[in-house]
Amino acid sequence: MVFWLCRAIEHGVTMAANPLGIEVVFFDIDGTLFSHTQCCIPESARDALAQLRAGGVKTVIATGRHKVDLKTLPTADLNFDGYIALNGQMILDESLRLIAGTPINAAEAEILTMAFKAKKIPFLILTENQRYMNFIDALTQEALDKGEFTLPEPSAYDAEDDAIFQLCAFVGDEDRELLDSILDECNITSWSPIGIDIVPKGGGKSVGIGKFLEAEGIDRSRTMAFGDGENDLDMLEYVQVGVAMGNGGDQVKKAADYVTTDIDDDGVANALRHFGLID
């Protein structure tokens, strides 16, 4: 807290009134905190996070990313009070230690492992500590070249190594519909035109947030969240105040309580200022 108070003083920050009594704000990363056009976190968002923490409001990441990514992304130099990773499947403390997790059930994990080994669809398997990629096709390489995400080198996965918490697949609509038809105990959400996340049914960012709130003793009525993608829908609907980024999809904006400006137009700071959480 002292660090954030010092940063607030350095930037000439005064404590906001926080009329809604928000105690914790959850942030998606890609397209919400991290701008893929600027390849950075906008300075206005950094300052807004500092003001929140200086005012005693907890800040928590809620992302589809794995904790391996969290150590290398531009958010790594910021302090957060916790992390909802892999779309709610892994709850991590401020030091990225696992608090709770929900792996994919054994039967469907076996189906997905077989699909991974068949190498017909590019799959990324995510366990607690590792990432396994089966192969990279031309479409996936094109997205990689644009800098939309990073992937490990292709490697084998042994089902006995680790439980699977999430899979990512890089597919078009036809393959997504095929996967949806054969997976009874998993949900599929998208985070890019070709990127989908496969998570346990009944999971999602909202479930992870619920576990975090229970552990911290924070009431759901004291929560706010920011997101821009399909995998943020349940989170925005679950919290007291859901904020959609101006660069988000139409479905996300409809699910939100408030639509802010684009990430590159100070979207995070503008919304927090609108609700009186920062000055």
Protein backbone atom coordinates (compact mmCIF):
# COMPACT_ATOMS: atom_id res chain seq x y z
CA MET A 1 0.00 0.00 0.00
CA VAL A 2 2.85 2.41 0.81
CA PHE A 3 4.25 1.98 -2.72
CA TRP A 4 0.93 2.88 -4.31
CA LEU A 5 0.41 5.84 -1.98
CA CYS A 6 3.85 7.12 -2.99
CA ARG A 7 3.06 6.69 -6.68
CA ALA A 8 -0.26 8.48 -6.18
CA ILE A 9 1.52 11.41 -4.51
CA GLU A 10 4.13 11.42 -7.27
CA HIS A 11 1.38 11.78 -9.89
CA GLY A 12 -0.53 14.35 -7.86
CA VAL A 13 -3.38 11.92 -7.17
CA THR A 14 -6.12 12.63 -4.63
CA MET A 15 -8.40 9.97 -3.20
CA ALA A 16 -11.65 9.51 -5.12
CA ALA A 17 -14.98 9.30 -3.30
CA ASN A 18 -15.92 5.81 -4.59
CA PRO A 19 -19.69 6.43 -4.21
CA LEU A 20 -20.60 2.84 -5.17
CA GLY A 21 -18.41 1.39 -2.43
CA ILE A 22 -16.51 -0.82 -4.90
CA GLU A 23 -13.94 -2.97 -3.10
CA VAL A 24 -12.45 -4.91 -6.01
CA VAL A 25 -12.16 -4.38 -9.78
CA PHE A 26 -11.42 -7.27 -12.16
CA PHE A 27 -9.60 -6.61 -15.44
CA ASP A 28 -9.27 -8.68 -18.57
CA ILE A 29 -5.85 -8.21 -20.19
CA ASP A 30 -5.96 -8.42 -23.99
CA GLY A 31 -7.95 -5.56 -25.49
CA THR A 32 -8.75 -4.21 -22.03
CA LEU A 33 -5.48 -3.40 -20.27
CA PHE A 34 -3.08 -4.41 -23.03
CA SER A 35 -3.44 -2.62 -26.36
CA HIS A 36 -2.42 -4.77 -29.33
CA THR A 37 -2.23 -1.67 -31.54
CA GLN A 38 0.14 0.19 -29.21
CA CYS A 39 1.73 -3.03 -27.85
CA CYS A 40 1.61 -1.65 -24.32
CA ILE A 41 -0.63 -0.77 -21.41
CA PRO A 42 -1.78 2.84 -21.94
CA GLU A 43 -0.26 5.18 -19.38
CA SER A 44 -3.75 6.36 -18.43
CA ALA A 45 -4.63 2.78 -17.41
CA ARG A 46 -1.43 2.45 -15.38
CA ASP A 47 -2.22 5.66 -13.52
CA ALA A 48 -5.82 4.54 -12.97
CA LEU A 49 -4.64 1.27 -11.41
CA ALA A 50 -2.34 3.23 -9.12
CA GLN A 51 -5.21 5.46 -8.02
CA LEU A 52 -7.45 2.48 -7.32
CA ARG A 53 -4.89 0.82 -5.10
CA ALA A 54 -4.03 4.08 -3.37
CA GLY A 55 -7.73 4.36 -2.53
CA GLY A 56 -7.80 0.85 -1.03
CA VAL A 57 -9.59 -0.84 -3.96
CA LYS A 58 -8.23 -4.28 -4.84
CA THR A 59 -7.24 -4.90 -8.46
CA VAL A 60 -7.39 -8.42 -9.88
CA ILE A 61 -6.56 -9.79 -13.33
CA ALA A 62 -9.25 -12.00 -14.93
CA THR A 63 -7.88 -13.49 -18.14
CA GLY A 64 -7.81 -16.48 -20.42
CA ARG A 65 -4.03 -16.37 -20.23
CA HIS A 66 -1.86 -18.94 -18.45
CA LYS A 67 0.37 -17.97 -15.53
CA VAL A 68 3.41 -18.55 -17.77
CA ASP A 69 2.16 -15.63 -19.89
CA LEU A 70 1.51 -13.50 -16.82
CA LYS A 71 5.22 -13.51 -16.03
CA THR A 72 6.16 -12.01 -19.41
CA LEU A 73 3.26 -9.74 -20.41
CA PRO A 74 3.49 -5.94 -19.91
CA THR A 75 1.23 -6.37 -16.86
CA ALA A 76 4.06 -8.25 -15.10
CA ASP A 77 5.59 -5.05 -13.71
CA LEU A 78 2.32 -4.11 -11.99
CA ASN A 79 1.14 -5.41 -8.64
CA PHE A 80 -2.26 -7.09 -8.43
CA ASP A 81 -4.11 -8.61 -5.49
CA GLY A 82 -4.79 -11.85 -7.34
CA TYR A 83 -5.26 -13.49 -10.71
CA ILE A 84 -8.22 -15.34 -12.23
CA ALA A 85 -6.34 -17.25 -14.95
CA LEU A 86 -7.45 -19.60 -17.73
CA ASN A 87 -10.94 -18.09 -17.78
CA GLY A 88 -11.60 -18.91 -14.14
CA GLN A 89 -10.08 -22.38 -14.05
CA MET A 90 -7.11 -21.28 -11.93
CA ILE A 91 -7.28 -18.88 -8.97
CA LEU A 92 -3.85 -17.49 -8.12
CA ASP A 93 -2.68 -15.26 -5.29
CA GLU A 94 -0.63 -12.11 -5.75
CA SER A 95 2.52 -14.24 -6.14
CA LEU A 96 0.94 -16.48 -8.81
CA ARG A 97 0.60 -19.41 -6.42
CA LEU A 98 -2.38 -21.69 -7.07
CA ILE A 99 -5.21 -21.23 -4.56
CA ALA A 100 -7.88 -23.30 -6.33
CA GLY A 101 -8.43 -24.89 -9.71
CA THR A 102 -11.00 -26.74 -11.82
CA PRO A 103 -9.54 -29.14 -14.41
CA ILE A 104 -11.45 -30.59 -17.36
CA ASN A 105 -13.02 -33.93 -16.41
CA ALA A 106 -11.09 -37.07 -17.25
CA ALA A 107 -13.40 -38.41 -19.98
CA GLU A 108 -13.39 -35.24 -22.06
CA ALA A 109 -9.71 -34.64 -21.35
CA GLU A 110 -9.07 -38.04 -22.96
CA ILE A 111 -11.07 -37.05 -26.06
CA LEU A 112 -9.18 -33.79 -26.35
CA THR A 113 -5.83 -35.51 -25.80
CA MET A 114 -6.61 -37.85 -28.71
CA ALA A 115 -7.50 -34.84 -30.89
CA PHE A 116 -4.25 -33.15 -29.82
CA LYS A 117 -2.23 -36.21 -30.88
CA ALA A 118 -4.12 -36.55 -34.20
CA LYS A 119 -2.76 -33.14 -35.29
CA LYS A 120 -5.76 -32.24 -37.45
CA ILE A 121 -6.47 -29.06 -35.47
CA PRO A 122 -3.84 -26.83 -33.82
CA PHE A 123 -4.30 -27.30 -30.06
CA LEU A 124 -2.65 -25.74 -27.04
CA ILE A 125 -2.99 -27.75 -23.82
CA LEU A 126 -2.71 -25.79 -20.58
CA THR A 127 -1.88 -27.52 -17.30
CA GLU A 128 -1.02 -25.89 -13.98
CA ASN A 129 2.60 -25.19 -14.87
CA GLN A 130 3.08 -26.06 -18.54
CA ARG A 131 1.83 -25.32 -22.07
CA TYR A 132 1.91 -27.95 -24.83
CA MET A 133 1.38 -27.16 -28.54
CA ASN A 134 0.78 -29.99 -31.03
CA PHE A 135 1.57 -28.13 -34.29
CA ILE A 136 1.29 -24.72 -35.92
CA ASP A 137 -0.51 -24.37 -39.26
CA ALA A 138 -0.47 -21.49 -41.75
CA LEU A 139 -3.48 -19.71 -40.21
CA THR A 140 -2.00 -19.89 -36.73
CA GLN A 141 1.39 -18.71 -38.00
CA GLU A 142 -0.29 -15.73 -39.66
CA ALA A 143 -1.81 -14.71 -36.32
CA LEU A 144 1.54 -15.26 -34.60
CA ASP A 145 3.22 -12.99 -37.12
CA LYS A 146 0.75 -10.24 -36.22
CA GLY A 147 1.86 -10.50 -32.59
CA GLU A 148 -1.60 -11.42 -31.29
CA PHE A 149 -0.23 -14.13 -28.96
CA THR A 150 2.77 -16.34 -28.26
CA LEU A 151 2.98 -20.13 -28.36
CA PRO A 152 5.52 -22.67 -27.14
CA GLU A 153 7.41 -24.88 -29.57
CA PRO A 154 5.43 -28.02 -30.53
CA SER A 155 5.92 -30.87 -28.05
CA ALA A 156 4.31 -34.11 -26.92
CA TYR A 157 1.78 -34.24 -24.09
CA ASP A 158 1.39 -37.25 -21.81
CA ALA A 159 -1.95 -37.41 -20.02
CA GLU A 160 -0.14 -38.59 -16.90
CA ASP A 161 1.98 -35.43 -16.78
CA ASP A 162 -0.63 -32.95 -15.57
CA ALA A 163 -4.37 -32.41 -15.38
CA ILE A 164 -5.71 -30.20 -18.19
CA PHE A 165 -7.26 -26.96 -17.02
CA GLN A 166 -7.96 -25.50 -20.45
CA LEU A 167 -7.32 -26.00 -24.15
CA CYS A 168 -7.01 -23.40 -26.85
CA ALA A 169 -7.73 -24.28 -30.47
CA PHE A 170 -7.07 -22.25 -33.58
CA VAL A 171 -10.00 -22.93 -35.87
CA GLY A 172 -12.67 -21.60 -38.19
CA ASP A 173 -16.42 -21.80 -37.56
CA GLU A 174 -16.79 -25.32 -38.97
CA ASP A 175 -14.21 -26.90 -36.66
CA ARG A 176 -15.55 -24.94 -33.70
CA GLU A 177 -19.04 -26.35 -34.32
CA LEU A 178 -17.54 -29.86 -34.60
CA LEU A 179 -15.77 -29.52 -31.25
CA ASP A 180 -18.92 -28.13 -29.66
CA SER A 181 -20.91 -31.13 -30.88
CA ILE A 182 -18.60 -33.75 -29.33
CA LEU A 183 -17.88 -32.06 -26.00
CA ASP A 184 -20.72 -32.46 -23.51
CA GLU A 185 -18.93 -31.26 -20.38
CA CYS A 186 -17.05 -28.28 -21.80
CA ASN A 187 -17.91 -24.76 -22.91
CA ILE A 188 -16.28 -22.97 -25.83
CA THR A 189 -15.70 -19.22 -26.02
CA SER A 190 -13.68 -17.17 -28.50
CA TRP A 191 -11.04 -14.51 -27.91
CA SER A 192 -10.01 -13.82 -31.52
CA PRO A 193 -11.34 -14.63 -35.01
CA ILE A 194 -9.49 -17.97 -34.96
CA GLY A 195 -8.80 -18.49 -31.25
CA ILE A 196 -11.16 -20.39 -28.97
CA ASP A 197 -10.91 -21.50 -25.34
CA ILE A 198 -12.26 -24.85 -24.17
CA VAL A 199 -13.08 -24.90 -20.45
CA PRO A 200 -15.11 -27.12 -18.11
CA LYS A 201 -18.87 -26.60 -18.31
CA GLY A 202 -20.03 -24.59 -15.35
CA GLY A 203 -16.71 -22.77 -15.32
CA GLY A 204 -15.79 -19.34 -16.59
CA LYS A 205 -14.41 -16.12 -15.22
CA SER A 206 -17.51 -15.57 -13.08
CA VAL A 207 -16.90 -18.85 -11.22
CA GLY A 208 -13.30 -17.91 -10.55
CA ILE A 209 -14.37 -14.48 -9.35
CA GLY A 210 -16.91 -16.07 -7.01
CA LYS A 211 -14.19 -18.20 -5.44
CA PHE A 212 -11.92 -15.19 -5.05
CA LEU A 213 -14.67 -13.15 -3.39
CA GLU A 214 -15.45 -15.99 -1.00
CA ALA A 215 -11.80 -16.31 -0.01
CA GLU A 216 -11.49 -12.55 0.52
CA GLY A 217 -14.84 -12.07 2.25
CA ILE A 218 -16.00 -9.49 -0.29
CA ASP A 219 -19.66 -9.17 -1.23
CA ARG A 220 -20.58 -9.43 -4.91
CA SER A 221 -22.36 -6.05 -4.68
CA ARG A 222 -18.95 -4.42 -4.19
CA THR A 223 -17.47 -5.55 -7.50
CA MET A 224 -16.72 -4.14 -10.94
CA ALA A 225 -15.15 -5.72 -14.04
CA PHE A 226 -13.77 -4.62 -17.40
CA GLY A 227 -13.71 -6.75 -20.57
CA ASP A 228 -13.92 -6.72 -24.35
CA GLY A 229 -14.31 -10.32 -25.57
CA GLU A 230 -16.78 -13.19 -25.63
CA ASN A 231 -14.95 -14.89 -22.76
CA ASP A 232 -15.76 -11.81 -20.62
CA LEU A 233 -19.54 -12.07 -20.99
CA ASP A 234 -20.26 -14.10 -17.85
CA MET A 235 -17.90 -11.93 -15.81
CA LEU A 236 -19.55 -8.67 -16.86
CA GLU A 237 -22.99 -10.09 -16.07
CA TYR A 238 -21.87 -11.50 -12.69
CA VAL A 239 -20.34 -8.41 -11.08
CA GLN A 240 -22.29 -5.44 -9.80
CA VAL A 241 -20.95 -3.14 -12.52
CA GLY A 242 -19.81 -4.64 -15.83
CA VAL A 243 -17.88 -2.32 -18.15
CA ALA A 244 -17.37 -3.11 -21.84
CA MET A 245 -14.48 -1.52 -23.70
CA GLY A 246 -15.38 0.61 -26.70
CA ASN A 247 -13.32 -1.74 -28.85
CA GLY A 248 -15.33 -4.76 -27.63
CA GLY A 249 -17.85 -6.72 -29.66
CA ASP A 250 -21.55 -5.89 -29.85
CA GLN A 251 -22.50 -8.89 -27.71
CA VAL A 252 -20.14 -7.74 -24.97
CA LYS A 253 -21.50 -4.22 -25.05
CA LYS A 254 -25.08 -5.50 -24.72
CA ALA A 255 -24.12 -7.56 -21.67
CA ALA A 256 -22.42 -4.64 -19.91
CA ASP A 257 -23.89 -2.02 -17.60
CA TYR A 258 -21.70 0.64 -19.14
CA VAL A 259 -19.72 1.00 -22.38
CA THR A 260 -16.56 3.07 -22.12
CA THR A 261 -14.28 4.40 -24.84
CA ASP A 262 -11.73 2.40 -26.84
CA ILE A 263 -8.66 1.03 -25.04
CA ASP A 264 -6.55 3.47 -27.06
CA ASP A 265 -8.81 6.35 -26.01
CA ASP A 266 -8.27 5.94 -22.25
CA GLY A 267 -11.20 3.51 -21.88
CA VAL A 268 -10.27 2.14 -18.45
CA ALA A 269 -9.53 5.53 -16.91
CA ASN A 270 -12.62 7.15 -18.42
CA ALA A 271 -14.95 4.51 -16.96
CA LEU A 272 -13.36 4.57 -13.52
CA ARG A 273 -13.64 8.34 -13.54
CA HIS A 274 -17.29 8.10 -14.66
CA PHE A 275 -18.10 5.95 -11.62
CA GLY A 276 -16.12 8.12 -9.23
CA LEU A 277 -13.43 5.58 -8.41
CA ILE A 278 -10.61 7.86 -9.55
CA ASP A 279 -10.23 11.60 -10.00
